[in-house]
Amino acid sequence: MSWKDELWGGGNSTWRNEQAPTCMLDGVPVLLHLRRRVLGRKFLYLWMRNVHGGVFPSVARAWYCSKLQRMAFLHWRLVCRRLRMEWKLGMRTECQYRNHLYGVAWNSWQSFMRTPSGSAEWLFMSLAHAERHQLQRAWTTWRLYIDRRKEKLAMHLRALTFRWNTCLKYDINRQPPFFLSS
């Protein structure tokens, strides 16, 4: 069978002979190549539908992806729900514990205020405790300040000795200053 018969279905019609193909690919018209590709695709899809049980692989792939996304979303939703519940329980326990502490402090304050005897002693004791606490904080901050000042001075001396030693490489006749001589 020639390509003319394959393309136009046989016969010697003058109308079909007048429309001779102008584009040729490997000696065969391009329209014939296109027709073969269309028919091949048609029978390929028919074969795929018969082999895969009436479902195209692209449809099966899309269904699988949607199921996978649904499962991932369900898992994510469960995790978020669990985290939210844990957060809510944590917030509830914190609020309840805070209210409990407020109640304990209120009850102890009421019991303190109900005892009339020795209120002056309690006042003096609390003032002495406050003074001791304030003095302790002042001493600790003063110690920290002194330690930091010593560290800064040591770092400054190290930097000066390093600078002096690097400058000494270039000028041998210079004498070190009094605070660097050891």
C-alpha atoms as a PDB file:
ATOM      1  CA  MET A   1       0.000   0.000   0.000  1.00  0.00           C
ATOM      2  CA  SER A   2       1.433   3.382  -0.922  1.00  0.00           C
ATOM      3  CA  TRP A   3       1.407   6.365   1.339  1.00  0.00           C
ATOM      4  CA  LYS A   4      -1.168   8.035  -0.920  1.00  0.00           C
ATOM      5  CA  ASP A   5      -3.620   5.200  -0.375  1.00  0.00           C
ATOM      6  CA  GLU A   6      -2.924   5.191   3.338  1.00  0.00           C
ATOM      7  CA  LEU A   7      -3.409   8.934   3.613  1.00  0.00           C
ATOM      8  CA  TRP A   8      -6.501   9.320   1.378  1.00  0.00           C
ATOM      9  CA  GLY A   9      -8.023   5.889   1.642  1.00  0.00           C
ATOM     10  CA  GLY A  10      -7.254   4.675  -1.895  1.00  0.00           C
ATOM     11  CA  GLY A  11      -8.905   5.616  -5.210  1.00  0.00           C
ATOM     12  CA  ASN A  12      -7.795   7.993  -7.929  1.00  0.00           C
ATOM     13  CA  SER A  13      -9.884  11.047  -7.208  1.00  0.00           C
ATOM     14  CA  THR A  14      -8.745  14.177  -8.993  1.00  0.00           C
ATOM     15  CA  TRP A  15      -9.578  16.311  -5.946  1.00  0.00           C
ATOM     16  CA  ARG A  16      -7.222  14.301  -3.757  1.00  0.00           C
ATOM     17  CA  ASN A  17      -4.557  14.209  -6.410  1.00  0.00           C
ATOM     18  CA  GLU A  18      -4.663  17.978  -6.728  1.00  0.00           C
ATOM     19  CA  GLN A  19      -3.895  18.372  -3.012  1.00  0.00           C
ATOM     20  CA  ALA A  20      -0.520  16.735  -3.073  1.00  0.00           C
ATOM     21  CA  PRO A  21       1.282  17.145   0.270  1.00  0.00           C
ATOM     22  CA  THR A  22       3.941  19.788   0.264  1.00  0.00           C
ATOM     23  CA  CYS A  23       5.733  18.874   3.534  1.00  0.00           C
ATOM     24  CA  MET A  24       7.636  15.614   3.395  1.00  0.00           C
ATOM     25  CA  LEU A  25       9.528  13.921   6.223  1.00  0.00           C
ATOM     26  CA  ASP A  26      11.845  11.056   5.209  1.00  0.00           C
ATOM     27  CA  GLY A  27       9.982  10.735   1.926  1.00  0.00           C
ATOM     28  CA  VAL A  28       6.612  10.408   3.684  1.00  0.00           C
ATOM     29  CA  PRO A  29       4.163  13.317   4.104  1.00  0.00           C
ATOM     30  CA  VAL A  30       3.950  14.953   7.524  1.00  0.00           C
ATOM     31  CA  LEU A  31       0.190  14.421   7.643  1.00  0.00           C
ATOM     32  CA  LEU A  32       0.759  10.678   7.397  1.00  0.00           C
ATOM     33  CA  HIS A  33       3.178  10.853  10.319  1.00  0.00           C
ATOM     34  CA  LEU A  34       0.581  12.776  12.324  1.00  0.00           C
ATOM     35  CA  ARG A  35      -2.167  10.301  11.427  1.00  0.00           C
ATOM     36  CA  ARG A  36      -0.004   7.366  12.486  1.00  0.00           C
ATOM     37  CA  ARG A  37       0.797   9.072  15.794  1.00  0.00           C
ATOM     38  CA  VAL A  38      -2.873   9.835  16.474  1.00  0.00           C
ATOM     39  CA  LEU A  39      -3.898   6.249  15.716  1.00  0.00           C
ATOM     40  CA  GLY A  40      -1.031   4.888  17.797  1.00  0.00           C
ATOM     41  CA  ARG A  41      -2.046   7.081  20.735  1.00  0.00           C
ATOM     42  CA  LYS A  42      -5.671   6.004  20.356  1.00  0.00           C
ATOM     43  CA  PHE A  43      -4.833   2.296  20.446  1.00  0.00           C
ATOM     44  CA  LEU A  44      -2.321   2.835  23.248  1.00  0.00           C
ATOM     45  CA  TYR A  45      -5.046   4.390  25.409  1.00  0.00           C
ATOM     46  CA  LEU A  46      -7.446   1.591  24.519  1.00  0.00           C
ATOM     47  CA  TRP A  47      -4.816  -0.983  25.472  1.00  0.00           C
ATOM     48  CA  MET A  48      -3.994   0.849  28.727  1.00  0.00           C
ATOM     49  CA  ARG A  49      -7.666   1.032  29.652  1.00  0.00           C
ATOM     50  CA  ASN A  50      -8.120  -2.702  29.010  1.00  0.00           C
ATOM     51  CA  VAL A  51      -4.936  -3.732  30.816  1.00  0.00           C
ATOM     52  CA  HIS A  52      -5.403  -1.556  33.917  1.00  0.00           C
ATOM     53  CA  GLY A  53      -9.043  -2.395  34.508  1.00  0.00           C
ATOM     54  CA  GLY A  54     -10.647   0.602  32.870  1.00  0.00           C
ATOM     55  CA  VAL A  55      -8.553   3.170  34.790  1.00  0.00           C
ATOM     56  CA  PHE A  56      -5.791   5.217  33.229  1.00  0.00           C
ATOM     57  CA  PRO A  57      -2.474   5.317  35.099  1.00  0.00           C
ATOM     58  CA  SER A  58      -2.690   9.112  35.374  1.00  0.00           C
ATOM     59  CA  VAL A  59      -6.090   8.816  37.083  1.00  0.00           C
ATOM     60  CA  ALA A  60      -4.719   6.122  39.398  1.00  0.00           C
ATOM     61  CA  ARG A  61      -1.683   8.287  40.176  1.00  0.00           C
ATOM     62  CA  ALA A  62      -3.889  11.296  40.924  1.00  0.00           C
ATOM     63  CA  TRP A  63      -6.113   9.186  43.190  1.00  0.00           C
ATOM     64  CA  TYR A  64      -3.032   7.842  45.026  1.00  0.00           C
ATOM     65  CA  CYS A  65      -1.630  11.361  45.475  1.00  0.00           C
ATOM     66  CA  SER A  66      -4.952  12.645  46.808  1.00  0.00           C
ATOM     67  CA  LYS A  67      -5.185   9.724  49.272  1.00  0.00           C
ATOM     68  CA  LEU A  68      -1.594  10.340  50.360  1.00  0.00           C
ATOM     69  CA  GLN A  69      -2.300  14.031  50.883  1.00  0.00           C
ATOM     70  CA  ARG A  70      -5.471  13.235  52.823  1.00  0.00           C
ATOM     71  CA  MET A  71      -3.587  10.812  55.100  1.00  0.00           C
ATOM     72  CA  ALA A  72      -0.800  13.364  55.666  1.00  0.00           C
ATOM     73  CA  PHE A  73      -3.354  16.070  56.473  1.00  0.00           C
ATOM     74  CA  LEU A  74      -5.193  13.766  58.890  1.00  0.00           C
ATOM     75  CA  HIS A  75      -1.923  12.963  60.669  1.00  0.00           C
ATOM     76  CA  TRP A  76      -1.014  16.656  60.800  1.00  0.00           C
ATOM     77  CA  ARG A  77      -4.452  17.500  62.176  1.00  0.00           C
ATOM     78  CA  LEU A  78      -4.116  14.844  64.893  1.00  0.00           C
ATOM     79  CA  VAL A  79      -0.692  16.149  65.878  1.00  0.00           C
ATOM     80  CA  CYS A  80      -1.969  19.735  65.993  1.00  0.00           C
ATOM     81  CA  ARG A  81      -5.004  18.691  68.019  1.00  0.00           C
ATOM     82  CA  ARG A  82      -2.800  16.830  70.507  1.00  0.00           C
ATOM     83  CA  LEU A  83      -0.434  19.789  70.831  1.00  0.00           C
ATOM     84  CA  ARG A  84      -3.352  22.174  71.282  1.00  0.00           C
ATOM     85  CA  MET A  85      -4.856  19.931  73.962  1.00  0.00           C
ATOM     86  CA  GLU A  86      -1.505  19.705  75.738  1.00  0.00           C
ATOM     87  CA  TRP A  87      -1.159  23.485  75.593  1.00  0.00           C
ATOM     88  CA  LYS A  88      -4.683  23.984  76.937  1.00  0.00           C
ATOM     89  CA  LEU A  89      -4.056  21.520  79.766  1.00  0.00           C
ATOM     90  CA  GLY A  90      -0.756  23.218  80.584  1.00  0.00           C
ATOM     91  CA  MET A  91      -2.386  26.644  80.640  1.00  0.00           C
ATOM     92  CA  ARG A  92      -5.221  25.315  82.808  1.00  0.00           C
ATOM     93  CA  THR A  93      -2.809  23.762  85.313  1.00  0.00           C
ATOM     94  CA  GLU A  94      -0.719  26.937  85.424  1.00  0.00           C
ATOM     95  CA  CYS A  95      -3.815  29.050  86.092  1.00  0.00           C
ATOM     96  CA  GLN A  96      -5.075  26.646  88.741  1.00  0.00           C
ATOM     97  CA  TYR A  97      -1.664  26.526  90.435  1.00  0.00           C
ATOM     98  CA  ARG A  98      -1.415  30.326  90.345  1.00  0.00           C
ATOM     99  CA  ASN A  99      -4.874  30.643  91.877  1.00  0.00           C
ATOM    100  CA  HIS A 100      -3.888  28.068  94.506  1.00  0.00           C
ATOM    101  CA  LEU A 101      -0.790  30.105  95.398  1.00  0.00           C
ATOM    102  CA  TYR A 102      -2.862  33.265  95.538  1.00  0.00           C
ATOM    103  CA  GLY A 103      -5.278  31.530  97.908  1.00  0.00           C
ATOM    104  CA  VAL A 104      -2.456  30.255 100.114  1.00  0.00           C
ATOM    105  CA  ALA A 105      -0.878  33.721 100.242  1.00  0.00           C
ATOM    106  CA  TRP A 106      -4.252  35.316 101.023  1.00  0.00           C
ATOM    107  CA  ASN A 107      -4.981  32.814 103.783  1.00  0.00           C
ATOM    108  CA  SER A 108      -1.552  33.259 105.340  1.00  0.00           C
ATOM    109  CA  TRP A 109      -1.934  37.045 105.171  1.00  0.00           C
ATOM    110  CA  GLN A 110      -5.335  36.820 106.865  1.00  0.00           C
ATOM    111  CA  SER A 111      -3.951  34.578 109.581  1.00  0.00           C
ATOM    112  CA  PHE A 112      -1.046  36.997 110.041  1.00  0.00           C
ATOM    113  CA  MET A 113      -3.394  39.952 110.366  1.00  0.00           C
ATOM    114  CA  ARG A 114      -5.664  38.091 112.826  1.00  0.00           C
ATOM    115  CA  THR A 115      -2.860  37.610 115.332  1.00  0.00           C
ATOM    116  CA  PRO A 116      -2.718  40.939 117.215  1.00  0.00           C
ATOM    117  CA  SER A 117       0.060  40.062 119.657  1.00  0.00           C
ATOM    118  CA  GLY A 118       3.644  40.723 118.655  1.00  0.00           C
ATOM    119  CA  SER A 119       2.904  42.863 115.626  1.00  0.00           C
ATOM    120  CA  ALA A 120       5.733  45.232 116.568  1.00  0.00           C
ATOM    121  CA  GLU A 121       8.120  42.279 116.812  1.00  0.00           C
ATOM    122  CA  TRP A 122       7.024  41.077 113.375  1.00  0.00           C
ATOM    123  CA  LEU A 123       7.610  44.565 112.011  1.00  0.00           C
ATOM    124  CA  PHE A 124      11.104  44.781 113.444  1.00  0.00           C
ATOM    125  CA  MET A 125      11.942  41.290 112.253  1.00  0.00           C
ATOM    126  CA  SER A 126      10.770  42.060 108.738  1.00  0.00           C
ATOM    127  CA  LEU A 127      12.708  45.336 108.659  1.00  0.00           C
ATOM    128  CA  ALA A 128      15.872  43.576 109.875  1.00  0.00           C
ATOM    129  CA  HIS A 129      15.415  40.878 107.267  1.00  0.00           C
ATOM    130  CA  ALA A 130      14.939  43.494 104.536  1.00  0.00           C
ATOM    131  CA  GLU A 131      18.100  45.338 105.619  1.00  0.00           C
ATOM    132  CA  ARG A 132      20.129  42.107 105.671  1.00  0.00           C
ATOM    133  CA  HIS A 133      18.827  41.147 102.253  1.00  0.00           C
ATOM    134  CA  GLN A 134      19.595  44.584 100.821  1.00  0.00           C
ATOM    135  CA  LEU A 135      23.105  44.573 102.308  1.00  0.00           C
ATOM    136  CA  GLN A 136      23.754  41.082 100.939  1.00  0.00           C
ATOM    137  CA  ARG A 137      22.684  42.164  97.447  1.00  0.00           C
ATOM    138  CA  ALA A 138      24.897  45.260  97.650  1.00  0.00           C
ATOM    139  CA  TRP A 139      27.929  43.179  98.678  1.00  0.00           C
ATOM    140  CA  THR A 140      27.395  40.624  95.900  1.00  0.00           C
ATOM    141  CA  THR A 141      27.049  43.330  93.230  1.00  0.00           C
ATOM    142  CA  TRP A 142      30.154  45.110  94.613  1.00  0.00           C
ATOM    143  CA  ARG A 143      32.126  41.854  94.426  1.00  0.00           C
ATOM    144  CA  LEU A 144      30.994  41.295  90.842  1.00  0.00           C
ATOM    145  CA  TYR A 145      32.008  44.848  89.945  1.00  0.00           C
ATOM    146  CA  ILE A 146      35.477  44.399  91.469  1.00  0.00           C
ATOM    147  CA  ASP A 147      35.999  41.053  89.698  1.00  0.00           C
ATOM    148  CA  ARG A 148      34.995  42.498  86.354  1.00  0.00           C
ATOM    149  CA  ARG A 149      37.258  45.506  86.872  1.00  0.00           C
ATOM    150  CA  LYS A 150      40.203  43.167  87.578  1.00  0.00           C
ATOM    151  CA  GLU A 151      39.419  41.107  84.463  1.00  0.00           C
ATOM    152  CA  LYS A 152      39.245  44.239  82.300  1.00  0.00           C
ATOM    153  CA  LEU A 153      42.565  45.482  83.673  1.00  0.00           C
ATOM    154  CA  ALA A 154      44.201  42.107  83.010  1.00  0.00           C
ATOM    155  CA  MET A 155      42.872  42.046  79.444  1.00  0.00           C
ATOM    156  CA  HIS A 156      44.082  45.618  78.887  1.00  0.00           C
ATOM    157  CA  LEU A 157      47.577  44.733  80.119  1.00  0.00           C
ATOM    158  CA  ARG A 158      47.628  41.659  77.875  1.00  0.00           C
ATOM    159  CA  ALA A 159      46.664  43.789  74.899  1.00  0.00           C
ATOM    160  CA  LEU A 160      49.384  46.361  75.713  1.00  0.00           C
ATOM    161  CA  THR A 161      52.051  43.662  76.050  1.00  0.00           C
ATOM    162  CA  PHE A 162      50.986  42.126  72.770  1.00  0.00           C
ATOM    163  CA  ARG A 163      51.123  45.538  71.092  1.00  0.00           C
ATOM    164  CA  TRP A 164      54.496  46.274  72.650  1.00  0.00           C
ATOM    165  CA  ASN A 165      55.897  42.890  71.568  1.00  0.00           C
ATOM    166  CA  THR A 166      54.675  43.325  68.003  1.00  0.00           C
ATOM    167  CA  CYS A 167      56.137  46.840  67.850  1.00  0.00           C
ATOM    168  CA  LEU A 168      59.378  45.549  69.400  1.00  0.00           C
ATOM    169  CA  LYS A 169      59.953  43.397  66.339  1.00  0.00           C
ATOM    170  CA  TYR A 170      60.507  46.510  64.268  1.00  0.00           C
ATOM    171  CA  ASP A 171      62.358  48.718  66.783  1.00  0.00           C
ATOM    172  CA  ILE A 172      64.929  46.915  68.913  1.00  0.00           C
ATOM    173  CA  ASN A 173      66.236  49.999  70.801  1.00  0.00           C
ATOM    174  CA  ARG A 174      62.904  50.799  72.535  1.00  0.00           C
ATOM    175  CA  GLN A 175      62.577  50.119  76.248  1.00  0.00           C
ATOM    176  CA  PRO A 176      59.292  48.683  77.641  1.00  0.00           C
ATOM    177  CA  PRO A 177      57.225  50.963  79.913  1.00  0.00           C
ATOM    178  CA  PHE A 178      57.344  50.454  83.673  1.00  0.00           C
ATOM    179  CA  PHE A 179      53.962  48.699  83.936  1.00  0.00           C
ATOM    180  CA  LEU A 180      54.966  46.059  81.363  1.00  0.00           C
ATOM    181  CA  SER A 181      58.322  45.158  82.852  1.00  0.00           C
ATOM    182  CA  SER A 182      58.122  42.034  84.905  1.00  0.00           C
END
